[in-house]
Structure formats: structure tokens, C-alpha cells
């Protein structure tokens, strides 16, 4: 199963990534809402921050 971690803070992505990898998930990362939309079709699950640059998480979720 693939998890998309969408957050503009690398440290937060890294912590979540380690947890996911430790539980046998593949990880995809995005730094903003636009990247999240582009990468979403590749993911089974999305963990997304709502306050990101370029496009916030709520707007990305709606799209």
C-alpha cells in the first residue's frame, strides 16, 4: 500500500515516513497542495497538512 505524505515541513514528513516504512508502507512525498494533486493518483492513502504553500490542503482535498 502506498501512502502520500503531504506537508511543507520536511521534518514532519520524515517522522511520518519512518513510521510508515516501519509498518511496510511505500511512501510518496509532496511539499505543497499542487504536488499533492499531481501525486494523489499514485497513493492509496493521503496524510495531508492543511496549511501548505502554493495551495492549502483543504483546497487540494476538494480538487
Protein backbone atom coordinates (compact mmCIF):
# COMPACT_ATOMS: atom_id res chain seq x y z
CA UNK A 1 0.00 0.00 0.00
CA UNK A 2 1.30 3.50 -0.87
CA UNK A 3 1.00 6.48 1.46
CA UNK A 4 1.30 10.05 0.21
CA UNK A 5 2.65 12.35 2.92
CA UNK A 6 1.87 15.97 2.05
CA UNK A 7 3.46 18.57 4.31
CA UNK A 8 5.69 21.56 3.68
CA UNK A 9 7.87 20.76 6.68
CA UNK A 10 10.48 18.12 5.86
CA UNK A 11 10.96 17.09 9.49
CA UNK A 12 7.28 16.23 9.83
CA UNK A 13 7.36 14.27 6.55
CA UNK A 14 10.46 12.41 7.73
CA UNK A 15 8.90 11.37 11.05
CA UNK A 16 5.71 10.12 9.40
CA UNK A 17 7.75 8.45 6.65
CA UNK A 18 9.82 6.44 9.16
CA UNK A 19 6.64 5.26 10.89
CA UNK A 20 5.06 4.24 7.57
CA UNK A 21 8.17 2.44 6.30
CA UNK A 22 8.41 0.63 9.64
CA UNK A 23 4.89 -0.66 9.01
CA UNK A 24 5.65 -1.82 5.45
CA UNK A 25 4.05 1.05 3.53
CA UNK A 26 5.60 2.58 0.43
CA UNK A 27 5.92 6.35 0.78
CA UNK A 28 5.41 9.19 -1.67
CA UNK A 29 6.08 12.78 -0.56
CA UNK A 30 4.69 16.17 -1.57
CA UNK A 31 5.70 19.63 -0.33
CA UNK A 32 2.59 21.59 -1.33
CA UNK A 33 -1.00 21.25 -2.48
CA UNK A 34 -0.17 21.30 -6.18
CA UNK A 35 2.31 18.41 -5.81
CA UNK A 36 -0.27 16.58 -3.73
CA UNK A 37 -2.86 16.75 -6.51
CA UNK A 38 -0.29 15.56 -9.06
CA UNK A 39 0.81 12.60 -6.93
CA UNK A 40 -2.56 11.63 -5.41
CA UNK A 41 -3.48 9.09 -8.13
CA UNK A 42 -0.41 7.04 -7.17
CA UNK A 43 -1.46 6.76 -3.50
CA UNK A 44 -3.83 4.52 -1.59
CA UNK A 45 -3.81 6.79 1.50
CA UNK A 46 -3.04 10.50 1.86
CA UNK A 47 -1.82 12.16 5.06
CA UNK A 48 -2.05 15.89 4.38
CA UNK A 49 -1.32 19.11 6.22
CA UNK A 50 -3.97 21.79 5.68
CA UNK A 51 -1.56 24.74 5.80
CA UNK A 52 0.82 24.34 2.85
CA UNK A 53 2.22 26.82 0.33
CA UNK A 54 1.01 27.28 -3.27
CA UNK A 55 -2.29 25.54 -2.43
CA UNK A 56 -3.60 24.69 1.03
CA UNK A 57 -4.62 21.18 1.97
CA UNK A 58 -8.36 21.90 2.07
CA UNK A 59 -8.33 23.24 -1.49
CA UNK A 60 -6.22 20.28 -2.64
CA UNK A 61 -8.67 17.90 -0.95
CA UNK A 62 -11.61 19.47 -2.77
CA UNK A 63 -9.86 19.15 -6.15
